[in-house]
C-alpha atoms as a PDB file:
ATOM      1  CA  UNK A   1     -18.392 -12.912 -81.329  1.00  0.00           C
ATOM      2  CA  UNK A   2     -20.415 -10.220 -79.590  1.00  0.00           C
ATOM      3  CA  UNK A   3     -17.404  -9.008 -77.610  1.00  0.00           C
ATOM      4  CA  UNK A   4     -15.567  -8.164 -80.798  1.00  0.00           C
ATOM      5  CA  UNK A   5     -18.251  -5.567 -81.542  1.00  0.00           C
ATOM      6  CA  UNK A   6     -19.557  -2.816 -79.308  1.00  0.00           C
ATOM      7  CA  UNK A   7     -21.095  -4.966 -76.550  1.00  0.00           C
ATOM      8  CA  UNK A   8     -19.791  -5.013 -72.990  1.00  0.00           C
ATOM      9  CA  UNK A   9     -18.876  -8.373 -71.504  1.00  0.00           C
ATOM     10  CA  UNK A  10     -22.057  -8.457 -69.418  1.00  0.00           C
ATOM     11  CA  UNK A  11     -24.256  -7.486 -72.383  1.00  0.00           C
ATOM     12  CA  UNK A  12     -22.640 -10.080 -74.658  1.00  0.00           C
ATOM     13  CA  UNK A  13     -23.044 -12.818 -72.031  1.00  0.00           C
ATOM     14  CA  UNK A  14     -26.643 -11.857 -71.324  1.00  0.00           C
ATOM     15  CA  UNK A  15     -27.537 -11.789 -75.011  1.00  0.00           C
ATOM     16  CA  UNK A  16     -25.953 -15.186 -75.653  1.00  0.00           C
ATOM     17  CA  UNK A  17     -27.583 -16.758 -72.602  1.00  0.00           C
ATOM     18  CA  UNK A  18     -30.958 -15.339 -73.680  1.00  0.00           C
ATOM     19  CA  UNK A  19     -30.547 -17.197 -76.987  1.00  0.00           C
ATOM     20  CA  UNK A  20     -29.199 -20.306 -75.284  1.00  0.00           C
ATOM     21  CA  UNK A  21     -32.070 -20.608 -72.819  1.00  0.00           C
ATOM     22  CA  UNK A  22     -34.622 -19.943 -75.563  1.00  0.00           C
ATOM     23  CA  UNK A  23     -33.170 -22.755 -77.703  1.00  0.00           C
ATOM     24  CA  UNK A  24     -32.026 -25.256 -75.053  1.00  0.00           C
ATOM     25  CA  UNK A  25     -33.391 -26.859 -71.921  1.00  0.00           C
ATOM     26  CA  UNK A  26     -31.654 -24.589 -69.417  1.00  0.00           C
ATOM     27  CA  UNK A  27     -28.513 -26.623 -68.783  1.00  0.00           C
ATOM     28  CA  UNK A  28     -25.362 -24.660 -69.595  1.00  0.00           C
ATOM     29  CA  UNK A  29     -22.511 -27.003 -70.557  1.00  0.00           C
ATOM     30  CA  UNK A  30     -19.379 -26.449 -68.499  1.00  0.00           C
ATOM     31  CA  UNK A  31     -21.272 -25.510 -65.338  1.00  0.00           C
ATOM     32  CA  UNK A  32     -22.436 -27.600 -62.392  1.00  0.00           C
ATOM     33  CA  UNK A  33     -21.359 -31.035 -61.228  1.00  0.00           C
ATOM     34  CA  UNK A  34     -23.403 -34.132 -60.542  1.00  0.00           C
ATOM     35  CA  UNK A  35     -21.613 -35.040 -57.312  1.00  0.00           C
ATOM     36  CA  UNK A  36     -19.896 -31.897 -56.007  1.00  0.00           C
ATOM     37  CA  UNK A  37     -21.391 -28.483 -55.161  1.00  0.00           C
ATOM     38  CA  UNK A  38     -18.126 -27.107 -56.575  1.00  0.00           C
ATOM     39  CA  UNK A  39     -16.022 -29.221 -58.933  1.00  0.00           C
ATOM     40  CA  UNK A  40     -12.755 -29.259 -56.942  1.00  0.00           C
ATOM     41  CA  UNK A  41     -10.592 -29.088 -60.079  1.00  0.00           C
ATOM     42  CA  UNK A  42     -12.083 -26.004 -61.702  1.00  0.00           C
ATOM     43  CA  UNK A  43     -11.148 -23.279 -59.161  1.00  0.00           C
ATOM     44  CA  UNK A  44      -7.498 -24.332 -59.232  1.00  0.00           C
ATOM     45  CA  UNK A  45      -7.387 -24.271 -63.033  1.00  0.00           C
ATOM     46  CA  UNK A  46      -8.960 -20.808 -63.069  1.00  0.00           C
ATOM     47  CA  UNK A  47      -6.454 -19.664 -60.461  1.00  0.00           C
ATOM     48  CA  UNK A  48      -3.598 -20.892 -62.652  1.00  0.00           C
ATOM     49  CA  UNK A  49      -5.153 -19.181 -65.666  1.00  0.00           C
ATOM     50  CA  UNK A  50      -5.374 -15.898 -63.742  1.00  0.00           C
ATOM     51  CA  UNK A  51      -1.743 -16.287 -62.641  1.00  0.00           C
ATOM     52  CA  UNK A  52      -0.628 -16.766 -66.246  1.00  0.00           C
ATOM     53  CA  UNK A  53      -2.768 -13.814 -67.330  1.00  0.00           C
ATOM     54  CA  UNK A  54      -1.162 -11.616 -64.661  1.00  0.00           C
ATOM     55  CA  UNK A  55       2.246 -12.556 -66.051  1.00  0.00           C
ATOM     56  CA  UNK A  56       1.130 -11.780 -69.609  1.00  0.00           C
ATOM     57  CA  UNK A  57       1.349 -15.371 -70.860  1.00  0.00           C
ATOM     58  CA  UNK A  58      -2.363 -15.426 -71.763  1.00  0.00           C
ATOM     59  CA  UNK A  59      -4.888 -12.606 -71.923  1.00  0.00           C
ATOM     60  CA  UNK A  60      -7.389 -13.893 -69.373  1.00  0.00           C
ATOM     61  CA  UNK A  61     -10.305 -13.058 -71.670  1.00  0.00           C
ATOM     62  CA  UNK A  62     -11.901 -16.486 -71.524  1.00  0.00           C
ATOM     63  CA  UNK A  63     -11.575 -16.693 -67.736  1.00  0.00           C
ATOM     64  CA  UNK A  64     -13.437 -13.377 -67.521  1.00  0.00           C
ATOM     65  CA  UNK A  65     -16.115 -14.685 -69.892  1.00  0.00           C
ATOM     66  CA  UNK A  66     -16.578 -17.856 -67.803  1.00  0.00           C
ATOM     67  CA  UNK A  67     -16.896 -15.815 -64.607  1.00  0.00           C
ATOM     68  CA  UNK A  68     -19.436 -13.508 -66.260  1.00  0.00           C
ATOM     69  CA  UNK A  69     -21.460 -16.498 -67.471  1.00  0.00           C
ATOM     70  CA  UNK A  70     -21.395 -18.021 -63.984  1.00  0.00           C
ATOM     71  CA  UNK A  71     -22.625 -14.739 -62.477  1.00  0.00           C
ATOM     72  CA  UNK A  72     -25.413 -14.335 -65.055  1.00  0.00           C
ATOM     73  CA  UNK A  73     -26.579 -17.953 -64.665  1.00  0.00           C
ATOM     74  CA  UNK A  74     -26.640 -17.480 -60.867  1.00  0.00           C
ATOM     75  CA  UNK A  75     -28.753 -14.365 -61.299  1.00  0.00           C
ATOM     76  CA  UNK A  76     -31.191 -16.173 -63.607  1.00  0.00           C
ATOM     77  CA  UNK A  77     -31.443 -19.401 -61.603  1.00  0.00           C
ATOM     78  CA  UNK A  78     -31.289 -17.847 -58.134  1.00  0.00           C
ATOM     79  CA  UNK A  79     -28.344 -20.007 -57.115  1.00  0.00           C
ATOM     80  CA  UNK A  80     -24.698 -20.338 -58.019  1.00  0.00           C
ATOM     81  CA  UNK A  81     -23.879 -23.073 -60.520  1.00  0.00           C
ATOM     82  CA  UNK A  82     -20.083 -23.042 -60.618  1.00  0.00           C
ATOM     83  CA  UNK A  83     -17.767 -23.847 -63.473  1.00  0.00           C
ATOM     84  CA  UNK A  84     -16.869 -27.523 -63.787  1.00  0.00           C
ATOM     85  CA  UNK A  85     -13.800 -29.245 -65.240  1.00  0.00           C
ATOM     86  CA  UNK A  86     -15.193 -29.091 -68.787  1.00  0.00           C
ATOM     87  CA  UNK A  87     -15.786 -25.360 -68.472  1.00  0.00           C
ATOM     88  CA  UNK A  88     -12.342 -24.829 -66.966  1.00  0.00           C
ATOM     89  CA  UNK A  89     -10.633 -26.755 -69.755  1.00  0.00           C
ATOM     90  CA  UNK A  90     -12.663 -24.788 -72.311  1.00  0.00           C
ATOM     91  CA  UNK A  91     -11.293 -21.614 -70.715  1.00  0.00           C
ATOM     92  CA  UNK A  92      -7.754 -22.950 -71.030  1.00  0.00           C
ATOM     93  CA  UNK A  93      -8.247 -24.044 -74.642  1.00  0.00           C
ATOM     94  CA  UNK A  94      -9.593 -20.576 -75.463  1.00  0.00           C
ATOM     95  CA  UNK A  95      -6.715 -18.865 -73.678  1.00  0.00           C
ATOM     96  CA  UNK A  96      -4.262 -20.995 -75.665  1.00  0.00           C
ATOM     97  CA  UNK A  97      -5.922 -19.916 -78.905  1.00  0.00           C
ATOM     98  CA  UNK A  98      -7.189 -23.327 -79.968  1.00  0.00           C
ATOM     99  CA  UNK A  99     -10.002 -23.198 -82.538  1.00  0.00           C
ATOM    100  CA  UNK A 100     -13.369 -24.329 -81.097  1.00  0.00           C
ATOM    101  CA  UNK A 101     -13.848 -27.264 -83.526  1.00  0.00           C
ATOM    102  CA  UNK A 102     -10.554 -28.762 -82.325  1.00  0.00           C
ATOM    103  CA  UNK A 103     -11.519 -28.552 -78.671  1.00  0.00           C
ATOM    104  CA  UNK A 104     -14.399 -31.036 -79.012  1.00  0.00           C
ATOM    105  CA  UNK A 105     -11.840 -33.646 -80.036  1.00  0.00           C
ATOM    106  CA  UNK A 106      -9.666 -32.749 -77.058  1.00  0.00           C
ATOM    107  CA  UNK A 107     -12.649 -33.189 -74.714  1.00  0.00           C
ATOM    108  CA  UNK A 108     -13.348 -36.612 -76.238  1.00  0.00           C
ATOM    109  CA  UNK A 109      -9.684 -37.573 -76.057  1.00  0.00           C
ATOM    110  CA  UNK A 110      -9.408 -36.695 -72.378  1.00  0.00           C
ATOM    111  CA  UNK A 111     -12.612 -38.600 -71.566  1.00  0.00           C
ATOM    112  CA  UNK A 112     -11.345 -41.614 -73.533  1.00  0.00           C
ATOM    113  CA  UNK A 113      -8.141 -41.744 -71.516  1.00  0.00           C
ATOM    114  CA  UNK A 114     -10.166 -41.602 -68.293  1.00  0.00           C
ATOM    115  CA  UNK A 115     -12.493 -44.383 -69.417  1.00  0.00           C
ATOM    116  CA  UNK A 116      -9.545 -46.550 -70.438  1.00  0.00           C
ATOM    117  CA  UNK A 117      -7.852 -45.988 -67.067  1.00  0.00           C
ATOM    118  CA  UNK A 118     -11.078 -46.850 -65.249  1.00  0.00           C
ATOM    119  CA  UNK A 119     -11.555 -50.026 -67.305  1.00  0.00           C
ATOM    120  CA  UNK A 120      -7.956 -51.050 -66.645  1.00  0.00           C
ATOM    121  CA  UNK A 121      -8.354 -50.427 -62.935  1.00  0.00           C
ATOM    122  CA  UNK A 122     -11.559 -52.484 -62.808  1.00  0.00           C
ATOM    123  CA  UNK A 123      -9.955 -55.380 -64.691  1.00  0.00           C
ATOM    124  CA  UNK A 124      -7.077 -55.662 -62.214  1.00  0.00           C
END
């Protein structure tokens, strides 16, 4: 990871986003929401993460990274594209020290539970 070397947070984020936008279509996973200008769940989760970081439970490193990405994307796109629930949960998984390959399964698991609940609700 670039932050583990000599790069500042802003430089590491900028470098990674340069590569991302060169390779992808410009959509940054974990940011933006189809129906809400601000995903109402994400700010609260980041607030809780910051509270736990202030108490020394987690480091807060991934929350800082997410905020730096949001700021850099806003600069590049000319508008704020805030963190969404997927980005907020990624922050939490990182803060808890979960390895990235495991987190994809956790994302799928949480979506599966939501789909099952929706299907159950519709069948009633």
